[in-house]
Amino acid sequence: MKRSEIEAIRQLKQGDVRGLKTLVNAHQTKALRVAYLITGSSALAEECVQDAFIQVYQHIEQFDDRRPFAPWFLRIVSNNAIKTGRREQRCVSFNDSANDAEALLIAGLTEWRRNLDEQVAEKITREEIWALLEKLSPTQREAIVSRYYLDMSEAEMAERLETAPGTIKWRLYAARQRLQKLITGSDLIKEVKS
């Protein structure tokens, strides 16, 4: 952990809200990416991240100073995003790229796209990837985002979510199976074969 983060956490634990500014500056961008990729909405992502920072301020005494701050904080963000996704109980559109930040996030997904079968992946557009991702549950989307976008190992994911590694493996397996069914059931495969 950086010295500035250690000092910010110390300030927060003493009730000084100024420590929050350092943490916001250091973690806001990545937190927004994670929340956006799970919720599919920049407005909902901002709400999740704001709530997460409020939770950090209110519950900083629960943070273990011997551990890194980022995984603890991103777990809060992910949990908020999953809860928000469930609360909304509606399909979200990943195609609204009017905002530059959203366009950058969409471009970032092409990185994990390279891990898919190359013949199929090259035929799938960004919009089609977003359409497939939005059909996953928030928990499955979070697993895919953490593994392939944030490039986290299964062990890191298990630690961040405070769950068994087997649970992470299962979530990833279920998400990949769902994506595979969605891809093979769509017109994408027919286009590749023709």
N, C-alpha and C. Protein backbone atom coordinates (compact mmCIF):
# COMPACT_ATOMS: atom_id res chain seq x y z
N MET A 1 0.84 -1.17 0.00
CA MET A 1 0.00 0.00 0.00
C MET A 1 0.89 1.24 0.00
N LYS A 2 0.47 2.23 -0.76
CA LYS A 2 1.23 3.47 -0.83
C LYS A 2 1.13 4.22 0.49
N ARG A 3 2.16 5.00 0.73
CA ARG A 3 2.20 5.79 1.97
C ARG A 3 1.00 6.73 2.06
N SER A 4 0.60 7.33 0.93
CA SER A 4 -0.55 8.24 0.94
C SER A 4 -1.84 7.52 1.32
N GLU A 5 -1.98 6.25 0.88
CA GLU A 5 -3.16 5.47 1.24
C GLU A 5 -3.14 5.13 2.73
N ILE A 6 -1.99 4.77 3.23
CA ILE A 6 -1.87 4.45 4.66
C ILE A 6 -2.27 5.66 5.49
N GLU A 7 -1.77 6.82 5.09
CA GLU A 7 -2.10 8.06 5.81
C GLU A 7 -3.59 8.38 5.69
N ALA A 8 -4.16 8.19 4.50
CA ALA A 8 -5.58 8.46 4.29
C ALA A 8 -6.45 7.56 5.17
N ILE A 9 -6.09 6.29 5.25
CA ILE A 9 -6.84 5.35 6.08
C ILE A 9 -6.70 5.71 7.55
N ARG A 10 -5.50 6.12 7.96
CA ARG A 10 -5.29 6.56 9.34
C ARG A 10 -6.19 7.75 9.66
N GLN A 11 -6.25 8.72 8.71
CA GLN A 11 -7.11 9.89 8.91
C GLN A 11 -8.57 9.48 9.06
N LEU A 12 -9.02 8.59 8.18
CA LEU A 12 -10.42 8.15 8.24
C LEU A 12 -10.72 7.45 9.56
N LYS A 13 -9.80 6.63 10.01
CA LYS A 13 -10.02 5.91 11.27
C LYS A 13 -10.07 6.87 12.46
N GLN A 14 -9.49 8.06 12.29
CA GLN A 14 -9.55 9.08 13.34
C GLN A 14 -10.74 10.02 13.14
N GLY A 15 -11.58 9.72 12.12
CA GLY A 15 -12.78 10.52 11.88
C GLY A 15 -12.57 11.71 10.98
N ASP A 16 -11.41 11.82 10.36
CA ASP A 16 -11.11 12.95 9.48
C ASP A 16 -11.49 12.59 8.05
N VAL A 17 -12.56 13.22 7.55
CA VAL A 17 -13.09 12.91 6.22
C VAL A 17 -12.12 13.29 5.09
N ARG A 18 -11.13 14.12 5.38
CA ARG A 18 -10.17 14.52 4.33
C ARG A 18 -9.39 13.33 3.78
N GLY A 19 -9.27 12.28 4.56
CA GLY A 19 -8.58 11.09 4.08
C GLY A 19 -9.29 10.43 2.91
N LEU A 20 -10.58 10.66 2.81
CA LEU A 20 -11.36 10.06 1.74
C LEU A 20 -10.94 10.59 0.37
N LYS A 21 -10.53 11.85 0.30
CA LYS A 21 -10.15 12.46 -0.98
C LYS A 21 -9.01 11.68 -1.64
N THR A 22 -8.02 11.30 -0.87
CA THR A 22 -6.88 10.54 -1.40
C THR A 22 -7.34 9.20 -1.96
N LEU A 23 -8.23 8.54 -1.24
CA LEU A 23 -8.73 7.24 -1.69
C LEU A 23 -9.59 7.37 -2.94
N VAL A 24 -10.40 8.42 -3.00
CA VAL A 24 -11.22 8.66 -4.19
C VAL A 24 -10.32 8.88 -5.40
N ASN A 25 -9.32 9.73 -5.25
CA ASN A 25 -8.40 10.00 -6.36
C ASN A 25 -7.68 8.74 -6.84
N ALA A 26 -7.33 7.87 -5.92
CA ALA A 26 -6.56 6.68 -6.27
C ALA A 26 -7.42 5.56 -6.86
N HIS A 27 -8.68 5.46 -6.47
CA HIS A 27 -9.46 4.26 -6.81
C HIS A 27 -10.75 4.51 -7.58
N GLN A 28 -11.12 5.75 -7.78
CA GLN A 28 -12.41 6.04 -8.40
C GLN A 28 -12.52 5.50 -9.83
N THR A 29 -11.51 5.69 -10.66
CA THR A 29 -11.58 5.28 -12.06
C THR A 29 -11.77 3.78 -12.20
N LYS A 30 -10.95 3.01 -11.52
CA LYS A 30 -11.07 1.55 -11.61
C LYS A 30 -12.40 1.08 -11.03
N ALA A 31 -12.84 1.70 -9.95
CA ALA A 31 -14.12 1.34 -9.34
C ALA A 31 -15.27 1.61 -10.30
N LEU A 32 -15.22 2.74 -10.99
CA LEU A 32 -16.26 3.05 -11.97
C LEU A 32 -16.28 2.03 -13.10
N ARG A 33 -15.11 1.61 -13.54
CA ARG A 33 -15.04 0.59 -14.60
C ARG A 33 -15.69 -0.70 -14.15
N VAL A 34 -15.33 -1.14 -12.95
CA VAL A 34 -15.89 -2.39 -12.43
C VAL A 34 -17.41 -2.28 -12.31
N ALA A 35 -17.89 -1.22 -11.70
CA ALA A 35 -19.33 -1.05 -11.51
C ALA A 35 -20.06 -0.93 -12.85
N TYR A 36 -19.47 -0.21 -13.79
CA TYR A 36 -20.10 -0.06 -15.10
C TYR A 36 -20.18 -1.40 -15.83
N LEU A 37 -19.13 -2.16 -15.78
CA LEU A 37 -19.12 -3.44 -16.47
C LEU A 37 -20.12 -4.43 -15.87
N ILE A 38 -20.43 -4.26 -14.61
CA ILE A 38 -21.41 -5.15 -13.97
C ILE A 38 -22.84 -4.63 -14.18
N THR A 39 -23.05 -3.32 -14.04
CA THR A 39 -24.41 -2.77 -14.16
C THR A 39 -24.78 -2.41 -15.59
N GLY A 40 -23.80 -2.02 -16.40
CA GLY A 40 -24.08 -1.61 -17.77
C GLY A 40 -24.59 -0.19 -17.89
N SER A 41 -24.55 0.55 -16.83
CA SER A 41 -25.06 1.92 -16.84
C SER A 41 -24.08 2.83 -16.12
N SER A 42 -23.72 3.93 -16.77
CA SER A 42 -22.79 4.85 -16.11
C SER A 42 -23.43 5.52 -14.90
N ALA A 43 -24.73 5.80 -14.98
CA ALA A 43 -25.42 6.42 -13.84
C ALA A 43 -25.46 5.47 -12.65
N LEU A 44 -25.80 4.20 -12.91
CA LEU A 44 -25.83 3.22 -11.83
C LEU A 44 -24.42 2.96 -11.28
N ALA A 45 -23.43 2.96 -12.17
CA ALA A 45 -22.05 2.75 -11.74
C ALA A 45 -21.61 3.87 -10.79
N GLU A 46 -21.93 5.11 -11.15
CA GLU A 46 -21.58 6.24 -10.29
C GLU A 46 -22.25 6.11 -8.93
N GLU A 47 -23.51 5.71 -8.94
CA GLU A 47 -24.25 5.52 -7.68
C GLU A 47 -23.58 4.44 -6.82
N CYS A 48 -23.21 3.33 -7.45
CA CYS A 48 -22.56 2.23 -6.72
C CYS A 48 -21.24 2.68 -6.09
N VAL A 49 -20.45 3.41 -6.87
CA VAL A 49 -19.14 3.85 -6.39
C VAL A 49 -19.29 4.89 -5.28
N GLN A 50 -20.22 5.82 -5.45
CA GLN A 50 -20.46 6.80 -4.39
C GLN A 50 -20.88 6.10 -3.10
N ASP A 51 -21.79 5.15 -3.23
CA ASP A 51 -22.22 4.39 -2.05
C ASP A 51 -21.05 3.64 -1.43
N ALA A 52 -20.18 3.10 -2.27
CA ALA A 52 -19.01 2.36 -1.76
C ALA A 52 -18.09 3.27 -0.95
N PHE A 53 -17.85 4.48 -1.44
CA PHE A 53 -16.99 5.41 -0.69
C PHE A 53 -17.65 5.82 0.63
N ILE A 54 -18.96 5.97 0.62
CA ILE A 54 -19.67 6.27 1.87
C ILE A 54 -19.52 5.10 2.85
N GLN A 55 -19.65 3.88 2.32
CA GLN A 55 -19.47 2.70 3.17
C GLN A 55 -18.06 2.62 3.73
N VAL A 56 -17.07 2.98 2.92
CA VAL A 56 -15.69 3.00 3.40
C VAL A 56 -15.57 3.96 4.58
N TYR A 57 -16.13 5.15 4.43
CA TYR A 57 -16.06 6.14 5.50
C TYR A 57 -16.76 5.63 6.77
N GLN A 58 -17.94 5.02 6.58
CA GLN A 58 -18.72 4.57 7.73
C GLN A 58 -18.15 3.32 8.41
N HIS A 59 -17.44 2.49 7.63
CA HIS A 59 -16.99 1.20 8.17
C HIS A 59 -15.47 1.00 8.06
N ILE A 60 -14.72 2.08 8.04
CA ILE A 60 -13.27 1.97 7.87
C ILE A 60 -12.63 1.17 9.00
N GLU A 61 -13.26 1.15 10.16
CA GLU A 61 -12.68 0.39 11.27
C GLU A 61 -12.66 -1.12 10.99
N GLN A 62 -13.47 -1.58 10.03
CA GLN A 62 -13.48 -3.00 9.66
C GLN A 62 -12.33 -3.36 8.73
N PHE A 63 -11.67 -2.35 8.17
CA PHE A 63 -10.56 -2.60 7.25
C PHE A 63 -9.33 -3.04 8.04
N ASP A 64 -8.70 -4.11 7.59
CA ASP A 64 -7.48 -4.64 8.20
C ASP A 64 -6.27 -3.95 7.56
N ASP A 65 -5.57 -3.14 8.34
CA ASP A 65 -4.43 -2.35 7.83
C ASP A 65 -3.31 -3.21 7.26
N ARG A 66 -3.28 -4.47 7.61
CA ARG A 66 -2.20 -5.34 7.12
C ARG A 66 -2.47 -5.83 5.70
N ARG A 67 -3.64 -5.57 5.19
CA ARG A 67 -4.02 -6.04 3.86
C ARG A 67 -4.11 -4.87 2.89
N PRO A 68 -4.03 -5.13 1.59
CA PRO A 68 -4.16 -4.03 0.62
C PRO A 68 -5.60 -3.48 0.60
N PHE A 69 -5.70 -2.21 0.35
CA PHE A 69 -7.00 -1.54 0.35
C PHE A 69 -7.82 -1.87 -0.89
N ALA A 70 -7.19 -1.89 -2.06
CA ALA A 70 -7.92 -2.02 -3.33
C ALA A 70 -8.84 -3.25 -3.39
N PRO A 71 -8.38 -4.45 -3.05
CA PRO A 71 -9.29 -5.60 -3.12
C PRO A 71 -10.50 -5.47 -2.18
N TRP A 72 -10.26 -4.94 -1.00
CA TRP A 72 -11.35 -4.74 -0.04
C TRP A 72 -12.36 -3.76 -0.61
N PHE A 73 -11.88 -2.66 -1.15
CA PHE A 73 -12.75 -1.64 -1.70
C PHE A 73 -13.49 -2.14 -2.95
N LEU A 74 -12.78 -2.82 -3.85
CA LEU A 74 -13.43 -3.31 -5.07
C LEU A 74 -14.47 -4.38 -4.77
N ARG A 75 -14.29 -5.11 -3.68
CA ARG A 75 -15.33 -6.07 -3.27
C ARG A 75 -16.60 -5.32 -2.90
N ILE A 76 -16.46 -4.21 -2.19
CA ILE A 76 -17.62 -3.38 -1.83
C ILE A 76 -18.29 -2.87 -3.10
N VAL A 77 -17.49 -2.37 -4.04
CA VAL A 77 -18.04 -1.86 -5.30
C VAL A 77 -18.77 -2.97 -6.05
N SER A 78 -18.14 -4.13 -6.18
CA SER A 78 -18.77 -5.26 -6.89
C SER A 78 -20.07 -5.67 -6.23
N ASN A 79 -20.06 -5.78 -4.92
CA ASN A 79 -21.28 -6.15 -4.20
C ASN A 79 -22.39 -5.13 -4.43
N ASN A 80 -22.04 -3.85 -4.38
CA ASN A 80 -23.03 -2.80 -4.64
C ASN A 80 -23.58 -2.92 -6.06
N ALA A 81 -22.70 -3.16 -7.02
CA ALA A 81 -23.13 -3.26 -8.42
C ALA A 81 -24.04 -4.47 -8.63
N ILE A 82 -23.70 -5.59 -8.01
CA ILE A 82 -24.55 -6.79 -8.14
C ILE A 82 -25.91 -6.53 -7.51
N LYS A 83 -25.93 -5.92 -6.32
CA LYS A 83 -27.21 -5.61 -5.67
C LYS A 83 -28.03 -4.65 -6.52
N THR A 84 -27.37 -3.66 -7.10
CA THR A 84 -28.06 -2.70 -7.95
C THR A 84 -28.63 -3.39 -9.18
N GLY A 85 -27.84 -4.27 -9.78
CA GLY A 85 -28.32 -5.00 -10.95
C GLY A 85 -29.53 -5.85 -10.63
N ARG A 86 -29.51 -6.48 -9.49
CA ARG A 86 -30.66 -7.29 -9.08
C ARG A 86 -31.86 -6.40 -8.78
N ARG A 87 -31.60 -5.27 -8.15
CA ARG A 87 -32.68 -4.35 -7.79
C ARG A 87 -33.36 -3.80 -9.03
N GLU A 88 -32.58 -3.48 -10.01
CA GLU A 88 -33.14 -2.90 -11.23
C GLU A 88 -34.00 -3.92 -11.98
N GLN A 89 -33.60 -5.19 -11.95
CA GLN A 89 -34.32 -6.29 -12.59
C GLN A 89 -34.83 -5.89 -13.97
N ARG A 90 -33.94 -5.36 -14.73
CA ARG A 90 -34.30 -5.00 -16.10
C ARG A 90 -33.08 -5.20 -16.96
N CYS A 91 -33.30 -5.33 -18.23
CA CYS A 91 -32.18 -5.43 -19.16
C CYS A 91 -31.58 -4.05 -19.31
N VAL A 92 -30.28 -3.99 -19.26
CA VAL A 92 -29.59 -2.72 -19.44
C VAL A 92 -28.96 -2.71 -20.80
N SER A 93 -28.87 -1.54 -21.37
CA SER A 93 -28.30 -1.41 -22.70
C SER A 93 -26.82 -1.10 -22.59
N PHE A 94 -26.01 -1.94 -23.23
CA PHE A 94 -24.57 -1.71 -23.27
C PHE A 94 -24.19 -0.97 -24.54
N ASN A 95 -25.17 -0.59 -25.33
CA ASN A 95 -24.89 0.02 -26.62
C ASN A 95 -24.82 1.54 -26.56
N ASP A 96 -25.12 2.16 -25.44
CA ASP A 96 -25.10 3.60 -25.33
C ASP A 96 -23.68 4.07 -25.06
N SER A 97 -22.99 4.42 -26.13
CA SER A 97 -21.60 4.84 -25.97
C SER A 97 -21.44 6.33 -26.22
N ALA A 98 -22.47 7.11 -25.89
CA ALA A 98 -22.40 8.54 -26.10
C ALA A 98 -21.33 9.17 -25.21
N ASN A 99 -21.09 8.57 -24.10
CA ASN A 99 -20.11 9.08 -23.16
C ASN A 99 -18.73 8.53 -23.50
N ASP A 100 -17.71 9.39 -23.52
CA ASP A 100 -16.35 8.94 -23.85
C ASP A 100 -15.85 7.86 -22.91
N ALA A 101 -16.17 7.96 -21.63
CA ALA A 101 -15.71 6.95 -20.67
C ALA A 101 -16.31 5.59 -21.01
N GLU A 102 -17.56 5.59 -21.40
CA GLU A 102 -18.20 4.33 -21.78
C GLU A 102 -17.54 3.75 -23.02
N ALA A 103 -17.20 4.60 -23.97
CA ALA A 103 -16.54 4.12 -25.18
C ALA A 103 -15.19 3.49 -24.86
N LEU A 104 -14.47 4.08 -23.90
CA LEU A 104 -13.19 3.50 -23.49
C LEU A 104 -13.40 2.14 -22.83
N LEU A 105 -14.44 2.02 -22.05
CA LEU A 105 -14.72 0.73 -21.41
C LEU A 105 -15.06 -0.33 -22.45
N ILE A 106 -15.84 0.05 -23.44
CA ILE A 106 -16.18 -0.90 -24.50
C ILE A 106 -14.91 -1.33 -25.22
N ALA A 107 -14.04 -0.38 -25.49
CA ALA A 107 -12.78 -0.72 -26.15
C ALA A 107 -11.95 -1.66 -25.28
N GLY A 108 -12.01 -1.48 -23.97
CA GLY A 108 -11.25 -2.34 -23.07
C GLY A 108 -11.71 -3.79 -23.11
N LEU A 109 -12.96 -4.00 -23.40
CA LEU A 109 -13.46 -5.38 -23.47
C LEU A 109 -12.87 -6.16 -24.63
N THR A 110 -12.38 -5.46 -25.63
CA THR A 110 -11.78 -6.19 -26.76
C THR A 110 -10.55 -6.96 -26.32
N GLU A 111 -9.95 -6.55 -25.19
CA GLU A 111 -8.78 -7.27 -24.69
C GLU A 111 -9.12 -8.69 -24.30
N TRP A 112 -10.18 -8.87 -23.53
CA TRP A 112 -10.51 -10.23 -23.15
C TRP A 112 -11.15 -10.99 -24.30
N ARG A 113 -11.69 -10.26 -25.25
CA ARG A 113 -12.28 -10.90 -26.42
C ARG A 113 -11.25 -11.75 -27.15
N ARG A 114 -9.99 -11.36 -27.08
CA ARG A 114 -8.92 -12.10 -27.76
C ARG A 114 -8.79 -13.52 -27.22
N ASN A 115 -9.28 -13.74 -25.98
CA ASN A 115 -9.19 -15.07 -25.40
C ASN A 115 -10.25 -16.03 -25.95
N LEU A 116 -11.22 -15.50 -26.66
CA LEU A 116 -12.25 -16.36 -27.24
C LEU A 116 -11.71 -17.02 -28.49
N ASP A 117 -12.44 -17.98 -28.96
CA ASP A 117 -12.07 -18.65 -30.20
C ASP A 117 -11.89 -17.59 -31.29
N GLU A 118 -10.69 -17.51 -31.87
CA GLU A 118 -10.35 -16.43 -32.79
C GLU A 118 -11.30 -16.32 -33.98
N GLN A 119 -11.69 -17.43 -34.56
CA GLN A 119 -12.56 -17.35 -35.73
C GLN A 119 -13.90 -16.72 -35.39
N VAL A 120 -14.44 -17.08 -34.24
CA VAL A 120 -15.72 -16.52 -33.83
C VAL A 120 -15.53 -15.09 -33.35
N ALA A 121 -14.51 -14.87 -32.54
CA ALA A 121 -14.29 -13.55 -31.94
C ALA A 121 -14.13 -12.47 -32.99
N GLU A 122 -13.47 -12.77 -34.07
CA GLU A 122 -13.25 -11.75 -35.09
C GLU A 122 -14.54 -11.34 -35.78
N LYS A 123 -15.54 -12.20 -35.74
CA LYS A 123 -16.82 -11.89 -36.37
C LYS A 123 -17.78 -11.18 -35.42
N ILE A 124 -17.45 -11.18 -34.14
CA ILE A 124 -18.34 -10.58 -33.15
C ILE A 124 -17.96 -9.12 -32.95
N THR A 125 -18.92 -8.24 -33.10
CA THR A 125 -18.66 -6.81 -32.89
C THR A 125 -18.74 -6.48 -31.41
N ARG A 126 -18.27 -5.31 -31.07
CA ARG A 126 -18.35 -4.86 -29.67
C ARG A 126 -19.80 -4.85 -29.19
N GLU A 127 -20.68 -4.39 -30.05
CA GLU A 127 -22.09 -4.32 -29.68
C GLU A 127 -22.64 -5.71 -29.39
N GLU A 128 -22.22 -6.68 -30.18
CA GLU A 128 -22.68 -8.05 -29.96
C GLU A 128 -22.12 -8.61 -28.65
N ILE A 129 -20.89 -8.26 -28.33
CA ILE A 129 -20.31 -8.69 -27.05
C ILE A 129 -21.12 -8.09 -25.90
N TRP A 130 -21.41 -6.80 -25.99
CA TRP A 130 -22.21 -6.16 -24.94
C TRP A 130 -23.58 -6.82 -24.84
N ALA A 131 -24.19 -7.10 -25.99
CA ALA A 131 -25.51 -7.74 -25.98
C ALA A 131 -25.44 -9.10 -25.29
N LEU A 132 -24.36 -9.85 -25.53
CA LEU A 132 -24.20 -11.15 -24.87
C LEU A 132 -23.97 -10.98 -23.37
N LEU A 133 -23.12 -10.03 -23.00
CA LEU A 133 -22.83 -9.81 -21.57
C LEU A 133 -24.07 -9.38 -20.80
N GLU A 134 -24.92 -8.58 -21.44
CA GLU A 134 -26.10 -8.11 -20.71
C GLU A 134 -27.08 -9.24 -20.43
N LYS A 135 -26.94 -10.35 -21.10
CA LYS A 135 -27.82 -11.50 -20.86
C LYS A 135 -27.34 -12.36 -19.69
N LEU A 136 -26.15 -12.09 -19.19
CA LEU A 136 -25.64 -12.81 -18.02
C LEU A 136 -26.23 -12.21 -16.76
N SER A 137 -26.28 -12.99 -15.71
CA SER A 137 -26.72 -12.46 -14.41
C SER A 137 -25.63 -11.51 -13.91
N PRO A 138 -25.97 -10.60 -12.99
CA PRO A 138 -24.93 -9.71 -12.44
C PRO A 138 -23.75 -10.48 -11.84
N THR A 139 -24.02 -11.61 -11.20
CA THR A 139 -22.94 -12.40 -10.60
C THR A 139 -22.04 -12.98 -11.69
N GLN A 140 -22.62 -13.49 -12.77
CA GLN A 140 -21.83 -14.03 -13.87
C GLN A 140 -21.05 -12.93 -14.57
N ARG A 141 -21.68 -11.78 -14.77
CA ARG A 141 -21.00 -10.65 -15.40
C ARG A 141 -19.81 -10.21 -14.56
N GLU A 142 -20.00 -10.18 -13.24
CA GLU A 142 -18.92 -9.79 -12.33
C GLU A 142 -17.76 -10.77 -12.44
N ALA A 143 -18.06 -12.04 -12.56
CA ALA A 143 -17.00 -13.05 -12.69
C ALA A 143 -16.22 -12.86 -13.99
N ILE A 144 -16.92 -12.65 -15.09
CA ILE A 144 -16.27 -12.44 -16.39
C ILE A 144 -15.44 -11.16 -16.38
N VAL A 145 -16.01 -10.10 -15.83
CA VAL A 145 -15.29 -8.81 -15.77
C VAL A 145 -14.03 -8.95 -14.93
N SER A 146 -14.14 -9.57 -13.76
CA SER A 146 -12.98 -9.71 -12.88
C SER A 146 -11.88 -10.54 -13.52
N ARG A 147 -12.27 -11.64 -14.15
CA ARG A 147 -11.27 -12.56 -14.71
C ARG A 147 -10.66 -12.03 -16.01
N TYR A 148 -11.49 -11.60 -16.94
CA TYR A 148 -10.99 -11.29 -18.27
C TYR A 148 -10.76 -9.81 -18.53
N TYR A 149 -11.42 -8.94 -17.79
CA TYR A 149 -11.19 -7.52 -17.98
C TYR A 149 -10.17 -6.99 -16.97
N LEU A 150 -10.37 -7.35 -15.70
CA LEU A 150 -9.43 -6.90 -14.66
C LEU A 150 -8.23 -7.84 -14.54
N ASP A 151 -8.27 -8.96 -15.26
CA ASP A 151 -7.17 -9.92 -15.33
C ASP A 151 -6.79 -10.46 -13.95
N MET A 152 -7.81 -10.70 -13.12
CA MET A 152 -7.57 -11.24 -11.79
C MET A 152 -7.50 -12.76 -11.86
N SER A 153 -6.67 -13.34 -11.02
CA SER A 153 -6.61 -14.80 -10.94
C SER A 153 -7.82 -15.28 -10.13
N GLU A 154 -8.08 -16.58 -10.23
CA GLU A 154 -9.19 -17.14 -9.45
C GLU A 154 -8.93 -16.97 -7.96
N ALA A 155 -7.68 -17.10 -7.54
CA ALA A 155 -7.33 -16.93 -6.13
C ALA A 155 -7.59 -15.49 -5.68
N GLU A 156 -7.23 -14.51 -6.52
CA GLU A 156 -7.48 -13.11 -6.19
C GLU A 156 -8.98 -12.84 -6.10
N MET A 157 -9.72 -13.42 -7.02
CA MET A 157 -11.17 -13.24 -7.00
C MET A 157 -11.77 -13.83 -5.73
N ALA A 158 -11.32 -15.02 -5.36
CA ALA A 158 -11.82 -15.68 -4.15
C ALA A 158 -11.51 -14.84 -2.91
N GLU A 159 -10.30 -14.30 -2.86
CA GLU A 159 -9.92 -13.46 -1.72
C GLU A 159 -10.76 -12.20 -1.68
N ARG A 160 -10.92 -11.54 -2.83
CA ARG A 160 -11.68 -10.30 -2.88
C ARG A 160 -13.12 -10.51 -2.47
N LEU A 161 -13.71 -11.61 -2.91
CA LEU A 161 -15.12 -11.88 -2.62
C LEU A 161 -15.33 -12.67 -1.34
N GLU A 162 -14.20 -13.03 -0.68
CA GLU A 162 -14.25 -13.81 0.55
C GLU A 162 -15.11 -15.06 0.37
N THR A 163 -14.77 -15.82 -0.66
CA THR A 163 -15.49 -17.05 -0.97
C THR A 163 -14.49 -18.13 -1.35
N ALA A 164 -14.95 -19.33 -1.40
CA ALA A 164 -14.06 -20.46 -1.71
C ALA A 164 -13.63 -20.42 -3.18
N PRO A 165 -12.39 -20.82 -3.47
CA PRO A 165 -11.93 -20.86 -4.86
C PRO A 165 -12.83 -21.73 -5.75
N GLY A 166 -13.38 -22.79 -5.18
CA GLY A 166 -14.29 -23.63 -5.95
C GLY A 166 -15.54 -22.89 -6.41
N THR A 167 -16.01 -21.97 -5.58
CA THR A 167 -17.17 -21.16 -5.94
C THR A 167 -16.83 -20.26 -7.11
N ILE A 168 -15.63 -19.69 -7.10
CA ILE A 168 -15.19 -18.83 -8.21
C ILE A 168 -15.09 -19.65 -9.49
N LYS A 169 -14.49 -20.83 -9.38
CA LYS A 169 -14.38 -21.70 -10.57
C LYS A 169 -15.76 -22.01 -11.13
N TRP A 170 -16.70 -22.29 -10.25
CA TRP A 170 -18.05 -22.61 -10.70
C TRP A 170 -18.70 -21.40 -11.38
N ARG A 171 -18.56 -20.22 -10.78
CA ARG A 171 -19.15 -19.02 -11.38
C ARG A 171 -18.58 -18.75 -12.77
N LEU A 172 -17.26 -18.90 -12.90
CA LEU A 172 -16.63 -18.70 -14.20
C LEU A 172 -17.10 -19.76 -15.20
N TYR A 173 -17.16 -21.00 -14.75
CA TYR A 173 -17.62 -22.08 -15.62
C TYR A 173 -19.05 -21.81 -16.10
N ALA A 174 -19.93 -21.46 -15.16
CA ALA A 174 -21.33 -21.20 -15.51
C ALA A 174 -21.45 -20.01 -16.46
N ALA A 175 -20.66 -18.97 -16.22
CA ALA A 175 -20.70 -17.79 -17.10
C ALA A 175 -20.19 -18.14 -18.50
N ARG A 176 -19.10 -18.90 -18.58
CA ARG A 176 -18.57 -19.30 -19.89
C ARG A 176 -19.55 -20.21 -20.62
N GLN A 177 -20.17 -21.13 -19.88
CA GLN A 177 -21.17 -22.02 -20.50
C GLN A 177 -22.33 -21.21 -21.05
N ARG A 178 -22.79 -20.25 -20.25
CA ARG A 178 -23.91 -19.39 -20.69
C ARG A 178 -23.52 -18.60 -21.93
N LEU A 179 -22.32 -18.03 -21.93
CA LEU A 179 -21.86 -17.29 -23.11
C LEU A 179 -21.76 -18.20 -24.32
N GLN A 180 -21.25 -19.40 -24.11
CA GLN A 180 -21.12 -20.35 -25.22
C GLN A 180 -22.50 -20.68 -25.81
N LYS A 181 -23.48 -20.92 -24.93
CA LYS A 181 -24.83 -21.20 -25.41
C LYS A 181 -25.41 -20.00 -26.14
N LEU A 182 -25.17 -18.82 -25.61
CA LEU A 182 -25.67 -17.61 -26.26
C LEU A 182 -25.04 -17.43 -27.63
N ILE A 183 -23.73 -17.68 -27.72
CA ILE A 183 -23.04 -17.52 -29.00
C ILE A 183 -23.50 -18.57 -30.00
N THR A 184 -23.55 -19.83 -29.58
CA THR A 184 -23.93 -20.88 -30.53
C THR A 184 -25.40 -20.82 -30.88
N GLY A 185 -26.21 -20.25 -30.02
CA GLY A 185 -27.63 -20.12 -30.30
C GLY A 185 -27.98 -18.89 -31.11
N SER A 186 -27.02 -18.03 -31.31
CA SER A 186 -27.28 -16.79 -32.05
C SER A 186 -26.92 -16.97 -33.52
N ASP A 187 -27.14 -15.93 -34.27
CA ASP A 187 -26.80 -15.94 -35.69
C ASP A 187 -25.31 -15.75 -35.91
N LEU A 188 -24.54 -15.51 -34.86
CA LEU A 188 -23.11 -15.25 -35.02
C LEU A 188 -22.38 -16.45 -35.60
N ILE A 189 -22.69 -17.65 -35.12
CA ILE A 189 -22.02 -18.85 -35.61
C ILE A 189 -22.39 -19.10 -37.06
N LYS A 190 -23.65 -18.87 -37.39
CA LYS A 190 -24.09 -19.08 -38.77
C LYS A 190 -23.32 -18.15 -39.71
N GLU A 191 -23.08 -16.91 -39.26
CA GLU A 191 -22.33 -15.96 -40.08
C GLU A 191 -20.89 -16.39 -40.25
N VAL A 192 -20.28 -16.95 -39.20
CA VAL A 192 -18.89 -17.39 -39.27
C VAL A 192 -18.75 -18.55 -40.23
N LYS A 193 -19.70 -19.49 -40.18
CA LYS A 193 -19.62 -20.67 -41.03
C LYS A 193 -19.87 -20.35 -42.50
N SER A 194 -20.62 -19.30 -42.78
CA SER A 194 -20.93 -18.98 -44.18
C SER A 194 -19.88 -18.12 -44.83
